[in-house]
Each structure stands twice: as structure tokens, then as C-alpha cells.
Protein backbone atom coordinates (compact mmCIF):
# COMPACT_ATOMS: atom_id res chain seq x y z
CA UNK A 1 33.34 -31.23 -2.06
CA UNK A 2 32.99 -28.86 -5.07
CA UNK A 3 29.25 -29.71 -5.45
CA UNK A 4 28.65 -28.17 -1.95
CA UNK A 5 30.67 -25.14 -2.62
CA UNK A 6 27.91 -22.95 -4.17
CA UNK A 7 25.48 -23.65 -1.21
CA UNK A 8 28.22 -23.03 1.33
CA UNK A 9 29.11 -19.67 -0.21
CA UNK A 10 25.40 -18.71 -0.27
CA UNK A 11 25.10 -19.53 3.39
CA UNK A 12 28.18 -17.58 4.26
CA UNK A 13 26.99 -14.56 2.29
CA UNK A 14 23.49 -14.68 4.03
CA UNK A 15 25.15 -14.95 7.39
CA UNK A 16 27.49 -12.01 6.70
CA UNK A 17 24.52 -9.88 5.51
CA UNK A 18 22.56 -10.69 8.64
CA UNK A 19 25.55 -9.68 10.90
CA UNK A 20 25.87 -6.35 8.99
CA UNK A 21 22.25 -5.62 9.73
CA UNK A 22 22.45 -6.28 13.45
CA UNK A 23 21.69 -3.20 15.57
CA UNK A 24 24.57 -1.43 17.26
CA UNK A 25 24.59 -1.67 20.94
CA UNK A 26 25.21 1.54 23.10
CA UNK A 27 26.12 1.66 26.70
CA UNK A 28 26.59 0.83 29.42
CA UNK A 29 24.57 3.82 30.67
CA UNK A 30 25.10 5.62 33.96
CA UNK A 31 24.02 5.07 36.66
CA UNK A 32 22.11 1.73 35.82
CA UNK A 33 24.57 0.12 33.37
CA UNK A 34 21.89 -0.57 30.73
CA UNK A 35 22.79 -1.33 27.16
CA UNK A 36 20.43 -0.49 24.30
CA UNK A 37 19.84 -0.51 20.57
CA UNK A 38 18.05 1.80 18.22
CA UNK A 39 16.45 0.70 14.96
CA UNK A 40 14.27 2.32 12.39
CA UNK A 41 11.81 0.42 9.97
CA UNK A 42 12.02 1.44 7.28
CA UNK A 43 15.16 3.62 6.97
CA UNK A 44 14.04 5.12 3.59
CA UNK A 45 10.66 7.01 3.63
CA UNK A 46 8.72 9.59 1.51
CA UNK A 47 8.19 13.03 2.78
CA UNK A 48 4.85 14.11 4.11
CA UNK A 49 2.94 16.09 1.52
CA UNK A 50 0.86 17.87 4.18
CA UNK A 51 1.83 19.47 7.36
CA UNK A 52 3.28 17.32 9.97
CA UNK A 53 0.77 16.14 12.61
CA UNK A 54 2.33 16.69 16.08
CA UNK A 55 0.15 14.11 17.60
CA UNK A 56 -0.47 10.36 17.24
CA UNK A 57 -2.32 10.89 13.86
CA UNK A 58 -0.05 9.81 11.10
CA UNK A 59 -0.58 9.24 7.39
CA UNK A 60 -2.24 5.85 6.66
CA UNK A 61 0.55 5.18 4.14
CA UNK A 62 3.30 3.21 5.91
CA UNK A 63 5.98 4.66 3.65
CA UNK A 64 5.48 8.15 4.99
CA UNK A 65 6.89 7.44 8.40
CA UNK A 66 9.57 5.22 10.03
CA UNK A 67 8.89 3.17 13.23
CA UNK A 68 11.69 3.63 15.82
CA UNK A 69 12.48 0.86 18.36
CA UNK A 70 14.75 1.17 21.28
CA UNK A 71 15.42 -2.07 23.13
CA UNK A 72 16.94 -1.81 26.62
CA UNK A 73 18.59 -4.60 28.56
CA UNK A 74 20.32 -4.89 31.92
CA UNK A 75 23.83 -6.37 32.41
CA UNK A 76 22.37 -9.87 32.28
CA UNK A 77 20.77 -9.25 28.92
CA UNK A 78 17.17 -9.09 30.30
CA UNK A 79 14.66 -6.64 29.02
CA UNK A 80 14.02 -3.72 31.46
CA UNK A 81 10.66 -2.09 32.03
CA UNK A 82 9.92 1.50 32.88
CA UNK A 83 13.19 3.01 31.54
CA UNK A 84 12.70 6.55 30.18
CA UNK A 85 13.77 6.93 26.51
CA UNK A 86 13.93 10.31 24.86
CA UNK A 87 13.73 10.57 21.04
CA UNK A 88 14.72 13.73 19.12
CA UNK A 89 15.74 14.80 15.71
CA UNK A 90 19.07 16.72 15.18
CA UNK A 91 18.64 20.43 15.49
CA UNK A 92 18.84 21.19 11.77
CA UNK A 93 15.68 19.19 11.34
CA UNK A 94 13.62 20.53 14.25
CA UNK A 95 11.27 22.52 11.93
CA UNK A 96 10.91 19.92 9.30
CA UNK A 97 10.56 16.59 11.12
CA UNK A 98 8.88 15.15 14.26
CA UNK A 99 9.30 12.09 16.54
CA UNK A 100 6.01 11.24 18.29
CA UNK A 101 6.01 10.50 21.15
CA UNK A 102 9.21 12.13 22.19
CA UNK A 103 9.39 10.54 25.65
CA UNK A 104 8.55 6.89 26.22
CA UNK A 105 8.90 4.39 29.09
CA UNK A 106 9.96 0.90 28.02
CA UNK A 107 7.42 -1.92 28.18
CA UNK A 108 8.86 -5.38 27.94
CA UNK A 109 12.23 -3.80 27.23
CA UNK A 110 11.05 -1.76 24.17
CA UNK A 111 10.26 1.94 23.61
CA UNK A 112 8.50 2.78 20.25
CA UNK A 113 7.95 6.02 18.49
CA UNK A 114 7.42 7.31 14.86
CA UNK A 115 9.48 9.60 12.78
CA UNK A 116 7.87 11.75 9.94
CA UNK A 117 9.39 14.61 7.93
CA UNK A 118 8.09 17.14 5.39
CA UNK A 119 11.30 17.81 3.54
CA UNK A 120 13.80 15.57 1.58
CA UNK A 121 17.30 14.75 2.80
CA UNK A 122 18.89 12.49 5.34
CA UNK A 123 17.88 13.12 8.98
CA UNK A 124 19.49 11.75 12.06
CA UNK A 125 17.26 10.64 14.94
CA UNK A 126 18.73 10.51 18.42
CA UNK A 127 17.63 8.29 21.26
CA UNK A 128 18.86 8.76 24.78
CA UNK A 129 18.71 6.45 27.75
CA UNK A 130 20.06 7.92 30.90
CA UNK A 131 23.41 9.59 30.00
CA UNK A 132 24.02 7.71 26.68
CA UNK A 133 22.79 8.59 23.15
CA UNK A 134 22.59 6.65 19.97
CA UNK A 135 21.57 7.90 16.54
CA UNK A 136 20.34 6.51 13.29
CA UNK A 137 19.97 8.09 9.84
CA UNK A 138 16.75 8.02 7.82
CA UNK A 139 16.60 8.94 4.19
CA UNK A 140 13.59 10.94 3.12
CA UNK A 141 12.60 11.42 -0.51
CA UNK A 142 9.64 12.95 -2.47
CA UNK A 143 6.91 10.60 -3.58
CA UNK A 144 7.76 9.50 -7.13
CA UNK A 145 11.19 10.98 -6.87
CA UNK A 146 14.54 9.51 -6.45
CA UNK A 147 15.84 8.51 -3.02
CA UNK A 148 17.24 11.19 -0.82
CA UNK A 149 20.92 12.08 -1.31
CA UNK A 150 23.61 12.28 1.26
CA UNK A 151 22.76 15.80 2.46
CA UNK A 152 22.60 16.71 6.05
CA UNK A 153 18.93 17.82 5.92
CA UNK A 154 16.98 20.70 7.10
CA UNK A 155 16.31 22.41 3.63
CA UNK A 156 13.96 21.51 0.90
């Protein structure tokens, strides 16, 4: 019994950490009763050193932006296509960050966009499906600097 204790504790720890990383589910939305999740990969990025490109052209360095993914499901847990998803940054970040594209239709239940910022701090990105919103925080730091602190963003 005691020889299996370390492996059992390791497995329980891994299971608990995986459950803590599970995306939060928002919904049901009205009028369609969809549920959805919002995730960002990664949640810590470096600020853009040049002006933000308000198009699909992003820095080639993956650590300069975060991929945003919204997964939409119906009441039966099936992925739903052609659902409009709106992405936006909180108002205090409107001049210093961008989500591109800001409006997306789901394909195979997913809507994808990219977040990029040119100042350090912690920004909140908001995704809206029908009448329901969900938000996620992304920490932005300077290249070579320490990770962004707990500020609410908007100022360099």
C-alpha cells in the first residue's frame, strides 16, 4: 500500500491541476441556449515594439500575440456552426490593444481571433455570443522585462 502512495499522490495532483485549467463555461445564451468557453493561448505575452497592425498581419514571433478561441455548443453538447462571436478589449485598452478579427462566425463550433498589445499590464478580452459575455485576462510585459503586474491596463 505505501509503495503506491507516491504515484497515487502524483496522479491526484495532475488530475487536480488539469481540472483547474479547464475553461469556464458561459451560458446558456438567449435566445438559442448555447453554452461557450473562451480560452487564450498563451495568457502571458510580450508587448508589440512597433505599432499594432489592425489587420491580419501580425508579428512573426508567437510570443507577441495570444490566440483566442471560443467554443460554442448547443444543449446537447454538439458544436454549432455559423454562430456570430464578437471579441473586444475592455474600454481602457481600446487605444493600446487590438483583437483581429473582432467578429467571427463559428466553424466546427470554434471562433478564433488574435490579441496583440503595445503597452504592458493586464488586459481583459471579452467574447460575446448572443446576449452573454465571458472575459479572460492576458498579461503583457516588455521583451526582456519582468512579467506584467496586476494593473488594470491602459497606461504604459
